[in-house]
Amino acid sequence: THLTGLRINGTDYSGQIARWFGTAALSAGGTIHASISTTGLVTSTNEYFEFFGTDPGSGKTWYQQVVVTFAGPNL
């Protein structure tokens, strides 16, 4: 499958996919990785990551949302 879109908290970062992950292609059962971080937190916050993709063989599209909780320094 191919990762075709990426949004973080509603902001489109699709143009960064290959740079951040090293590829936009996912083999069957494969994974791609990237580190995520944030700075300046004073309280915990939820960040919303949305991934969009297309299977080139079938043309089917897919979508997955992941919520990541970042903890502030005193939590």
N, C-alpha and C. Protein backbone atom coordinates (compact mmCIF):
# COMPACT_ATOMS: atom_id res chain seq x y z
N THR A 1 0.85 -1.17 0.00
CA THR A 1 0.00 0.00 0.00
C THR A 1 0.89 1.23 0.00
N HIS A 2 0.30 2.37 -0.28
CA HIS A 2 1.05 3.63 -0.29
C HIS A 2 0.40 4.61 0.68
N LEU A 3 1.24 5.22 1.50
CA LEU A 3 0.79 6.29 2.39
C LEU A 3 0.67 7.54 1.54
N THR A 4 -0.54 8.05 1.40
CA THR A 4 -0.79 9.18 0.50
C THR A 4 -1.07 10.48 1.22
N GLY A 5 -1.41 10.42 2.49
CA GLY A 5 -1.74 11.63 3.22
C GLY A 5 -1.42 11.52 4.69
N LEU A 6 -1.08 12.66 5.29
CA LEU A 6 -0.77 12.72 6.71
C LEU A 6 -1.21 14.08 7.23
N ARG A 7 -2.05 14.06 8.26
CA ARG A 7 -2.45 15.30 8.93
C ARG A 7 -2.16 15.16 10.41
N ILE A 8 -1.67 16.24 11.00
CA ILE A 8 -1.46 16.30 12.44
C ILE A 8 -2.28 17.46 12.96
N ASN A 9 -3.24 17.14 13.82
CA ASN A 9 -4.16 18.16 14.36
C ASN A 9 -4.80 18.97 13.24
N GLY A 10 -5.13 18.31 12.14
CA GLY A 10 -5.81 18.95 11.04
C GLY A 10 -4.92 19.64 10.03
N THR A 11 -3.62 19.79 10.31
CA THR A 11 -2.69 20.41 9.38
C THR A 11 -2.12 19.36 8.45
N ASP A 12 -2.15 19.64 7.17
CA ASP A 12 -1.70 18.67 6.15
C ASP A 12 -0.17 18.67 6.04
N TYR A 13 0.42 17.50 6.31
CA TYR A 13 1.86 17.30 6.17
C TYR A 13 2.16 16.23 5.12
N SER A 14 1.27 16.03 4.18
CA SER A 14 1.43 14.98 3.17
C SER A 14 2.72 15.13 2.38
N GLY A 15 3.15 16.34 2.15
CA GLY A 15 4.37 16.59 1.40
C GLY A 15 5.64 16.18 2.15
N GLN A 16 5.52 15.87 3.42
CA GLN A 16 6.67 15.48 4.24
C GLN A 16 6.81 13.97 4.42
N ILE A 17 5.88 13.19 3.89
CA ILE A 17 5.84 11.74 4.16
C ILE A 17 7.18 11.07 3.83
N ALA A 18 7.67 11.22 2.62
CA ALA A 18 8.90 10.52 2.22
C ALA A 18 10.09 10.99 3.05
N ARG A 19 10.17 12.27 3.36
CA ARG A 19 11.30 12.79 4.15
C ARG A 19 11.25 12.27 5.59
N TRP A 20 10.05 12.29 6.19
CA TRP A 20 9.93 11.86 7.59
C TRP A 20 10.06 10.36 7.76
N PHE A 21 9.46 9.60 6.86
CA PHE A 21 9.43 8.14 7.01
C PHE A 21 10.45 7.42 6.14
N GLY A 22 11.07 8.12 5.21
CA GLY A 22 12.02 7.50 4.32
C GLY A 22 11.39 6.83 3.11
N THR A 23 10.08 6.71 3.11
CA THR A 23 9.33 6.08 2.02
C THR A 23 7.85 6.35 2.22
N ALA A 24 7.08 6.17 1.17
CA ALA A 24 5.62 6.22 1.29
C ALA A 24 5.03 4.85 1.01
N ALA A 25 5.89 3.87 0.71
CA ALA A 25 5.44 2.52 0.36
C ALA A 25 5.48 1.60 1.57
N LEU A 26 4.41 0.84 1.74
CA LEU A 26 4.33 -0.16 2.81
C LEU A 26 4.12 -1.53 2.17
N SER A 27 5.05 -2.44 2.41
CA SER A 27 4.87 -3.79 1.91
C SER A 27 3.87 -4.53 2.79
N ALA A 28 3.35 -5.64 2.31
CA ALA A 28 2.40 -6.44 3.09
C ALA A 28 3.03 -6.82 4.42
N GLY A 29 2.38 -6.49 5.50
CA GLY A 29 2.88 -6.79 6.84
C GLY A 29 4.05 -5.91 7.26
N GLY A 30 4.39 -4.92 6.46
CA GLY A 30 5.53 -4.05 6.75
C GLY A 30 5.18 -2.89 7.64
N THR A 31 6.20 -2.17 8.04
CA THR A 31 6.02 -0.97 8.87
C THR A 31 6.96 0.12 8.38
N ILE A 32 6.61 1.35 8.71
CA ILE A 32 7.53 2.47 8.55
C ILE A 32 7.52 3.21 9.88
N HIS A 33 8.62 3.86 10.20
CA HIS A 33 8.77 4.49 11.51
C HIS A 33 9.25 5.92 11.38
N ALA A 34 8.82 6.74 12.33
CA ALA A 34 9.34 8.10 12.49
C ALA A 34 9.19 8.48 13.96
N SER A 35 10.11 9.24 14.47
CA SER A 35 10.02 9.72 15.85
C SER A 35 9.12 10.94 15.89
N ILE A 36 8.34 11.05 16.97
CA ILE A 36 7.50 12.23 17.15
C ILE A 36 7.83 12.84 18.50
N SER A 37 7.76 14.15 18.58
CA SER A 37 8.03 14.84 19.84
C SER A 37 7.36 16.20 19.80
N THR A 38 7.30 16.83 20.94
CA THR A 38 6.78 18.17 21.04
C THR A 38 7.54 18.91 22.13
N THR A 39 7.48 20.22 22.14
CA THR A 39 8.18 21.02 23.14
C THR A 39 7.24 22.05 23.74
N GLY A 40 7.61 22.59 24.87
CA GLY A 40 6.89 23.69 25.48
C GLY A 40 5.59 23.32 26.18
N LEU A 41 5.41 22.07 26.53
CA LEU A 41 4.17 21.68 27.19
C LEU A 41 4.19 22.08 28.66
N VAL A 42 3.07 22.60 29.14
CA VAL A 42 2.90 22.86 30.57
C VAL A 42 1.82 21.95 31.15
N THR A 43 0.98 21.40 30.29
CA THR A 43 -0.02 20.42 30.70
C THR A 43 -0.03 19.31 29.64
N SER A 44 -0.68 18.22 29.97
CA SER A 44 -0.82 17.13 29.00
C SER A 44 -1.70 17.57 27.85
N THR A 45 -1.45 17.01 26.68
CA THR A 45 -2.24 17.35 25.51
C THR A 45 -2.37 16.13 24.61
N ASN A 46 -3.49 16.03 23.94
CA ASN A 46 -3.70 15.00 22.93
C ASN A 46 -3.38 15.56 21.56
N GLU A 47 -2.64 14.82 20.79
CA GLU A 47 -2.32 15.20 19.41
C GLU A 47 -2.94 14.16 18.49
N TYR A 48 -3.54 14.60 17.40
CA TYR A 48 -4.29 13.72 16.50
C TYR A 48 -3.53 13.54 15.19
N PHE A 49 -3.18 12.30 14.89
CA PHE A 49 -2.46 11.94 13.68
C PHE A 49 -3.40 11.17 12.77
N GLU A 50 -3.56 11.63 11.54
CA GLU A 50 -4.43 10.98 10.56
C GLU A 50 -3.58 10.51 9.38
N PHE A 51 -3.75 9.24 9.03
CA PHE A 51 -3.01 8.64 7.93
C PHE A 51 -3.98 8.19 6.85
N PHE A 52 -3.63 8.47 5.60
CA PHE A 52 -4.45 8.11 4.45
C PHE A 52 -3.60 7.28 3.50
N GLY A 53 -4.20 6.29 2.86
CA GLY A 53 -3.43 5.49 1.92
C GLY A 53 -4.28 4.90 0.83
N THR A 54 -3.58 4.31 -0.15
CA THR A 54 -4.23 3.66 -1.28
C THR A 54 -3.50 2.36 -1.58
N ASP A 55 -4.26 1.31 -1.82
CA ASP A 55 -3.68 0.05 -2.28
C ASP A 55 -3.61 0.11 -3.80
N PRO A 56 -2.40 0.09 -4.37
CA PRO A 56 -2.30 0.23 -5.83
C PRO A 56 -2.89 -0.94 -6.60
N GLY A 57 -2.94 -2.12 -6.01
CA GLY A 57 -3.49 -3.28 -6.71
C GLY A 57 -5.00 -3.21 -6.86
N SER A 58 -5.68 -2.85 -5.79
CA SER A 58 -7.14 -2.84 -5.81
C SER A 58 -7.72 -1.44 -6.01
N GLY A 59 -6.92 -0.41 -5.73
CA GLY A 59 -7.41 0.95 -5.80
C GLY A 59 -8.18 1.38 -4.56
N LYS A 60 -8.32 0.47 -3.58
CA LYS A 60 -9.05 0.81 -2.35
C LYS A 60 -8.24 1.78 -1.51
N THR A 61 -8.98 2.68 -0.87
CA THR A 61 -8.36 3.65 0.01
C THR A 61 -8.58 3.24 1.46
N TRP A 62 -7.74 3.75 2.33
CA TRP A 62 -7.88 3.48 3.76
C TRP A 62 -7.53 4.74 4.56
N TYR A 63 -7.94 4.72 5.83
CA TYR A 63 -7.75 5.85 6.73
C TYR A 63 -7.55 5.31 8.13
N GLN A 64 -6.63 5.90 8.88
CA GLN A 64 -6.43 5.52 10.28
C GLN A 64 -6.10 6.76 11.08
N GLN A 65 -6.79 6.93 12.22
CA GLN A 65 -6.49 8.04 13.13
C GLN A 65 -5.86 7.47 14.39
N VAL A 66 -4.81 8.14 14.88
CA VAL A 66 -4.14 7.74 16.11
C VAL A 66 -4.09 8.96 17.01
N VAL A 67 -4.46 8.78 18.27
CA VAL A 67 -4.39 9.85 19.26
C VAL A 67 -3.21 9.54 20.18
N VAL A 68 -2.29 10.51 20.31
CA VAL A 68 -1.12 10.35 21.16
C VAL A 68 -1.21 11.40 22.26
N THR A 69 -1.07 10.96 23.52
CA THR A 69 -1.09 11.88 24.65
C THR A 69 0.35 12.20 25.03
N PHE A 70 0.69 13.49 24.97
CA PHE A 70 1.99 13.97 25.42
C PHE A 70 1.80 14.52 26.82
N ALA A 71 2.65 14.10 27.77
CA ALA A 71 2.54 14.54 29.15
C ALA A 71 3.39 15.76 29.39
N GLY A 72 2.86 16.72 30.16
CA GLY A 72 3.62 17.90 30.55
C GLY A 72 4.72 17.53 31.52
N PRO A 73 5.63 18.44 31.83
CA PRO A 73 6.82 18.12 32.63
C PRO A 73 6.53 17.71 34.07
N ASN A 74 5.41 18.12 34.63
CA ASN A 74 5.12 17.81 36.03
C ASN A 74 4.02 16.77 36.19
N LEU A 75 3.76 16.01 35.15
CA LEU A 75 2.65 15.05 35.21
C LEU A 75 3.15 13.64 35.16
